[in-house]
């Protein structure tokens, strides 16, 4: 019985570890996505500010 229990414990530990890793990567992916979104929105704002305004002079 001891061997069986140990084997079961190892299996559950492995499963839990895999779940933890998956959750961690999910969080990282989410964070990266959010960072990208922030970067894009910041870039858009900067671009809007620095966009040269074309003045049409009357001839």
PDB file of N, CA and C in Angstrom:
ATOM      1  N   UNK A   1       0.826  -1.213   0.000  1.00  0.00           N
ATOM      2  CA  UNK A   1       0.000   0.000   0.000  1.00  0.00           C
ATOM      3  C   UNK A   1       0.868   1.274   0.000  1.00  0.00           C
ATOM      4  N   UNK A   2       1.957   1.214   0.713  1.00  0.00           N
ATOM      5  CA  UNK A   2       2.817   2.402   0.780  1.00  0.00           C
ATOM      6  C   UNK A   2       3.281   2.830  -0.605  1.00  0.00           C
ATOM      7  N   UNK A   3       3.730   1.856  -1.391  1.00  0.00           N
ATOM      8  CA  UNK A   3       4.220   2.165  -2.742  1.00  0.00           C
ATOM      9  C   UNK A   3       3.093   2.814  -3.551  1.00  0.00           C
ATOM     10  N   UNK A   4       1.909   2.225  -3.473  1.00  0.00           N
ATOM     11  CA  UNK A   4       0.767   2.762  -4.211  1.00  0.00           C
ATOM     12  C   UNK A   4       0.496   4.205  -3.835  1.00  0.00           C
ATOM     13  N   UNK A   5       0.471   4.472  -2.549  1.00  0.00           N
ATOM     14  CA  UNK A   5       0.204   5.833  -2.087  1.00  0.00           C
ATOM     15  C   UNK A   5       1.259   6.813  -2.580  1.00  0.00           C
ATOM     16  N   UNK A   6       2.527   6.374  -2.510  1.00  0.00           N
ATOM     17  CA  UNK A   6       3.616   7.232  -2.980  1.00  0.00           C
ATOM     18  C   UNK A   6       3.448   7.538  -4.461  1.00  0.00           C
ATOM     19  N   UNK A   7       3.113   6.519  -5.226  1.00  0.00           N
ATOM     20  CA  UNK A   7       2.939   6.708  -6.667  1.00  0.00           C
ATOM     21  C   UNK A   7       1.810   7.697  -6.935  1.00  0.00           C
ATOM     22  N   UNK A   8       0.712   7.530  -6.204  1.00  0.00           N
ATOM     23  CA  UNK A   8      -0.438   8.431  -6.364  1.00  0.00           C
ATOM     24  C   UNK A   8      -0.033   9.859  -6.019  1.00  0.00           C
ATOM     25  N   UNK A   9       0.699   9.999  -4.910  1.00  0.00           N
ATOM     26  CA  UNK A   9       1.139  11.333  -4.487  1.00  0.00           C
ATOM     27  C   UNK A   9       2.004  11.980  -5.560  1.00  0.00           C
ATOM     28  N   UNK A  10       2.921  11.195  -6.125  1.00  0.00           N
ATOM     29  CA  UNK A  10       3.793  11.728  -7.170  1.00  0.00           C
ATOM     30  C   UNK A  10       2.969  12.195  -8.367  1.00  0.00           C
ATOM     31  N   UNK A  11       1.994  11.387  -8.752  1.00  0.00           N
ATOM     32  CA  UNK A  11       1.140  11.743  -9.896  1.00  0.00           C
ATOM     33  C   UNK A  11       0.405  13.060  -9.631  1.00  0.00           C
ATOM     34  N   UNK A  12      -0.176  13.157  -8.417  1.00  0.00           N
ATOM     35  CA  UNK A  12      -0.934  14.381  -8.106  1.00  0.00           C
ATOM     36  C   UNK A  12      -0.002  15.580  -8.050  1.00  0.00           C
ATOM     37  N   UNK A  13       1.210  15.369  -7.528  1.00  0.00           N
ATOM     38  CA  UNK A  13       2.185  16.463  -7.475  1.00  0.00           C
ATOM     39  C   UNK A  13       2.516  16.932  -8.887  1.00  0.00           C
ATOM     40  N   UNK A  14       2.746  15.970  -9.802  1.00  0.00           N
ATOM     41  CA  UNK A  14       3.065  16.308 -11.194  1.00  0.00           C
ATOM     42  C   UNK A  14       1.921  17.087 -11.823  1.00  0.00           C
ATOM     43  N   UNK A  15       0.712  16.602 -11.608  1.00  0.00           N
ATOM     44  CA  UNK A  15      -0.464  17.276 -12.183  1.00  0.00           C
ATOM     45  C   UNK A  15      -0.555  18.700 -11.666  1.00  0.00           C
ATOM     46  N   UNK A  16      -0.409  18.840 -10.355  1.00  0.00           N
ATOM     47  CA  UNK A  16      -0.499  20.170  -9.740  1.00  0.00           C
ATOM     48  C   UNK A  16       0.574  21.087 -10.306  1.00  0.00           C
ATOM     49  N   UNK A  17       1.778  20.529 -10.467  1.00  0.00           N
ATOM     50  CA  UNK A  17       2.898  21.312 -11.010  1.00  0.00           C
ATOM     51  C   UNK A  17       2.550  21.803 -12.412  1.00  0.00           C
ATOM     52  N   UNK A  18       2.024  20.898 -13.235  1.00  0.00           N
ATOM     53  CA  UNK A  18       1.654  21.261 -14.598  1.00  0.00           C
ATOM     54  C   UNK A  18       0.597  22.357 -14.604  1.00  0.00           C
ATOM     55  N   UNK A  19      -0.375  22.236 -13.709  1.00  0.00           N
ATOM     56  CA  UNK A  19      -1.437  23.248 -13.617  1.00  0.00           C
ATOM     57  C   UNK A  19      -0.827  24.591 -13.240  1.00  0.00           C
ATOM     58  N   UNK A  20       0.087  24.558 -12.248  1.00  0.00           N
ATOM     59  CA  UNK A  20       0.730  25.803 -11.802  1.00  0.00           C
ATOM     60  C   UNK A  20       1.482  26.459 -12.951  1.00  0.00           C
ATOM     61  N   UNK A  21       2.233  25.649 -13.691  1.00  0.00           N
ATOM     62  CA  UNK A  21       3.019  26.182 -14.811  1.00  0.00           C
ATOM     63  C   UNK A  21       2.084  26.804 -15.842  1.00  0.00           C
ATOM     64  N   UNK A  22       1.002  26.099 -16.149  1.00  0.00           N
ATOM     65  CA  UNK A  22       0.047  26.603 -17.137  1.00  0.00           C
ATOM     66  C   UNK A  22      -0.532  27.939 -16.693  1.00  0.00           C
ATOM     67  N   UNK A  23      -0.910  28.020 -15.417  1.00  0.00           N
ATOM     68  CA  UNK A  23      -1.482  29.266 -14.896  1.00  0.00           C
ATOM     69  C   UNK A  23      -0.464  30.396 -14.973  1.00  0.00           C
ATOM     70  N   UNK A  24       0.787  30.072 -14.644  1.00  0.00           N
ATOM     71  CA  UNK A  24       1.843  31.092 -14.666  1.00  0.00           C
ATOM     72  C   UNK A  24       2.006  31.630 -16.087  1.00  0.00           C
ATOM     73  N   UNK A  25       2.064  30.711 -17.059  1.00  0.00           N
ATOM     74  CA  UNK A  25       2.257  31.153 -18.445  1.00  0.00           C
ATOM     75  C   UNK A  25       1.056  31.960 -18.911  1.00  0.00           C
ATOM     76  N   UNK A  26      -0.144  31.553 -18.497  1.00  0.00           N
ATOM     77  CA  UNK A  26      -1.347  32.311 -18.864  1.00  0.00           C
ATOM     78  C   UNK A  26      -1.238  33.734 -18.346  1.00  0.00           C
ATOM     79  N   UNK A  27      -0.819  33.864 -17.076  1.00  0.00           N
ATOM     80  CA  UNK A  27      -0.681  35.189 -16.472  1.00  0.00           C
ATOM     81  C   UNK A  27       0.328  36.016 -17.253  1.00  0.00           C
ATOM     82  N   UNK A  28       1.457  35.385 -17.592  1.00  0.00           N
ATOM     83  CA  UNK A  28       2.507  36.095 -18.323  1.00  0.00           C
ATOM     84  C   UNK A  28       1.980  36.563 -19.671  1.00  0.00           C
ATOM     85  N   UNK A  29       1.258  35.676 -20.355  1.00  0.00           N
ATOM     86  CA  UNK A  29       0.713  36.033 -21.666  1.00  0.00           C
ATOM     87  C   UNK A  29      -0.233  37.214 -21.522  1.00  0.00           C
ATOM     88  N   UNK A  30      -1.089  37.163 -20.494  1.00  0.00           N
ATOM     89  CA  UNK A  30      -2.033  38.262 -20.254  1.00  0.00           C
ATOM     90  C   UNK A  30      -1.273  39.560 -20.018  1.00  0.00           C
ATOM     91  N   UNK A  31      -0.232  39.488 -19.165  1.00  0.00           N
ATOM     92  CA  UNK A  31       0.551  40.678 -18.853  1.00  0.00           C
ATOM     93  C   UNK A  31       1.179  41.238 -20.120  1.00  0.00           C
ATOM     94  N   UNK A  32       1.764  40.347 -20.927  1.00  0.00           N
ATOM     95  CA  UNK A  32       2.400  40.791 -22.164  1.00  0.00           C
ATOM     96  C   UNK A  32       1.397  41.474 -23.071  1.00  0.00           C
ATOM     97  N   UNK A  33       0.210  40.894 -23.193  1.00  0.00           N
ATOM     98  CA  UNK A  33      -0.837  41.481 -24.030  1.00  0.00           C
ATOM     99  C   UNK A  33      -1.180  42.874 -23.542  1.00  0.00           C
ATOM    100  N   UNK A  34      -1.345  42.993 -22.217  1.00  0.00           N
ATOM    101  CA  UNK A  34      -1.687  44.296 -21.643  1.00  0.00           C
ATOM    102  C   UNK A  34      -0.584  45.311 -21.901  1.00  0.00           C
ATOM    103  N   UNK A  35       0.674  44.870 -21.762  1.00  0.00           N
ATOM    104  CA  UNK A  35       1.805  45.761 -22.018  1.00  0.00           C
ATOM    105  C   UNK A  35       1.766  46.243 -23.461  1.00  0.00           C
ATOM    106  N   UNK A  36       1.528  45.307 -24.371  1.00  0.00           N
ATOM    107  CA  UNK A  36       1.475  45.654 -25.790  1.00  0.00           C
ATOM    108  C   UNK A  36       0.370  46.672 -26.035  1.00  0.00           C
ATOM    109  N   UNK A  37      -0.789  46.432 -25.438  1.00  0.00           N
ATOM    110  CA  UNK A  37      -1.914  47.352 -25.603  1.00  0.00           C
ATOM    111  C   UNK A  37      -1.520  48.740 -25.119  1.00  0.00           C
ATOM    112  N   UNK A  38      -0.877  48.780 -23.923  1.00  0.00           N
ATOM    113  CA  UNK A  38      -0.462  50.064 -23.361  1.00  0.00           C
ATOM    114  C   UNK A  38       0.531  50.747 -24.294  1.00  0.00           C
ATOM    115  N   UNK A  39       1.529  49.973 -24.755  1.00  0.00           N
ATOM    116  CA  UNK A  39       2.539  50.535 -25.646  1.00  0.00           C
ATOM    117  C   UNK A  39       1.868  51.117 -26.883  1.00  0.00           C
ATOM    118  N   UNK A  40       0.947  50.342 -27.470  1.00  0.00           N
ATOM    119  CA  UNK A  40       0.280  50.803 -28.680  1.00  0.00           C
ATOM    120  C   UNK A  40      -0.489  52.092 -28.429  1.00  0.00           C
ATOM    121  N   UNK A  41      -1.229  52.131 -27.323  1.00  0.00           N
ATOM    122  CA  UNK A  41      -2.036  53.319 -27.047  1.00  0.00           C
ATOM    123  C   UNK A  41      -1.122  54.518 -26.794  1.00  0.00           C
ATOM    124  N   UNK A  42      -0.002  54.279 -26.106  1.00  0.00           N
ATOM    125  CA  UNK A  42       0.955  55.374 -25.850  1.00  0.00           C
ATOM    126  C   UNK A  42       1.520  55.867 -27.169  1.00  0.00           C
ATOM    127  N   UNK A  43       1.899  54.917 -28.029  1.00  0.00           N
ATOM    128  CA  UNK A  43       2.461  55.290 -29.322  1.00  0.00           C
ATOM    129  C   UNK A  43       1.456  56.108 -30.119  1.00  0.00           C
ATOM    130  N   UNK A  44       0.202  55.663 -30.100  1.00  0.00           N
ATOM    131  CA  UNK A  44      -0.835  56.388 -30.835  1.00  0.00           C
ATOM    132  C   UNK A  44      -0.910  57.825 -30.348  1.00  0.00           C
ATOM    133  N   UNK A  45      -0.903  58.005 -29.044  1.00  0.00           N
ATOM    134  CA  UNK A  45      -0.993  59.350 -28.472  1.00  0.00           C
ATOM    135  C   UNK A  45       0.193  60.195 -28.913  1.00  0.00           C
ATOM    136  N   UNK A  46       1.388  59.599 -28.847  1.00  0.00           N
ATOM    137  CA  UNK A  46       2.601  60.333 -29.222  1.00  0.00           C
ATOM    138  C   UNK A  46       2.534  60.720 -30.696  1.00  0.00           C
ATOM    139  N   UNK A  47       2.103  59.749 -31.519  1.00  0.00           N
ATOM    140  CA  UNK A  47       2.017  60.009 -32.956  1.00  0.00           C
ATOM    141  C   UNK A  47       1.049  61.152 -33.230  1.00  0.00           C
ATOM    142  N   UNK A  48      -0.073  61.129 -32.541  1.00  0.00           N
ATOM    143  CA  UNK A  48      -1.076  62.180 -32.745  1.00  0.00           C
ATOM    144  C   UNK A  48      -0.500  63.550 -32.392  1.00  0.00           C
ATOM    145  N   UNK A  49       0.292  63.595 -31.322  1.00  0.00           N
ATOM    146  CA  UNK A  49       0.867  64.876 -30.887  1.00  0.00           C
ATOM    147  C   UNK A  49       1.900  65.380 -31.890  1.00  0.00           C
ATOM    148  N   UNK A  50       2.748  64.481 -32.377  1.00  0.00           N
ATOM    149  CA  UNK A  50       3.870  64.901 -33.206  1.00  0.00           C
ATOM    150  C   UNK A  50       3.551  64.915 -34.703  1.00  0.00           C
ATOM    151  N   UNK A  51       2.315  64.597 -35.064  1.00  0.00           N
ATOM    152  CA  UNK A  51       1.961  64.589 -36.490  1.00  0.00           C
ATOM    153  C   UNK A  51       2.060  65.995 -37.050  1.00  0.00           C
ATOM    154  N   UNK A  52       2.817  66.173 -38.116  1.00  0.00           N
ATOM    155  CA  UNK A  52       2.970  67.530 -38.658  1.00  0.00           C
ATOM    156  C   UNK A  52       1.680  67.996 -39.331  1.00  0.00           C
ATOM    157  N   UNK A  53       1.309  69.211 -39.040  1.00  0.00           N
ATOM    158  CA  UNK A  53       0.091  69.753 -39.655  1.00  0.00           C
ATOM    159  C   UNK A  53       0.477  70.433 -40.964  1.00  0.00           C
ATOM    160  N   UNK A  54      -0.185  70.028 -42.009  1.00  0.00           N
ATOM    161  CA  UNK A  54       0.124  70.569 -43.334  1.00  0.00           C
ATOM    162  C   UNK A  54      -0.720  71.821 -43.552  1.00  0.00           C
ATOM    163  N   UNK A  55      -0.030  72.948 -43.698  1.00  0.00           N
ATOM    164  CA  UNK A  55      -0.735  74.218 -43.920  1.00  0.00           C
ATOM    165  C   UNK A  55      -0.789  74.487 -45.422  1.00  0.00           C
ATOM    166  N   UNK A  56      -1.958  74.781 -45.895  1.00  0.00           N
ATOM    167  CA  UNK A  56      -2.089  75.108 -47.325  1.00  0.00           C
ATOM    168  C   UNK A  56      -2.069  76.620 -47.469  1.00  0.00           C
ATOM    169  N   UNK A  57      -1.049  77.096 -48.168  1.00  0.00           N
ATOM    170  CA  UNK A  57      -0.923  78.545 -48.362  1.00  0.00           C
ATOM    171  C   UNK A  57      -1.712  78.971 -49.598  1.00  0.00           C
ATOM    172  N   UNK A  58      -2.457  80.024 -49.491  1.00  0.00           N
ATOM    173  CA  UNK A  58      -3.191  80.484 -50.678  1.00  0.00           C
ATOM    174  C   UNK A  58      -2.247  81.074 -51.726  1.00  0.00           C
ATOM    175  N   UNK A  59      -2.436  80.675 -52.942  1.00  0.00           N
ATOM    176  CA  UNK A  59      -1.554  81.172 -54.023  1.00  0.00           C
ATOM    177  C   UNK A  59      -2.213  82.309 -54.798  1.00  0.00           C
TER     178      UNK A  59
END
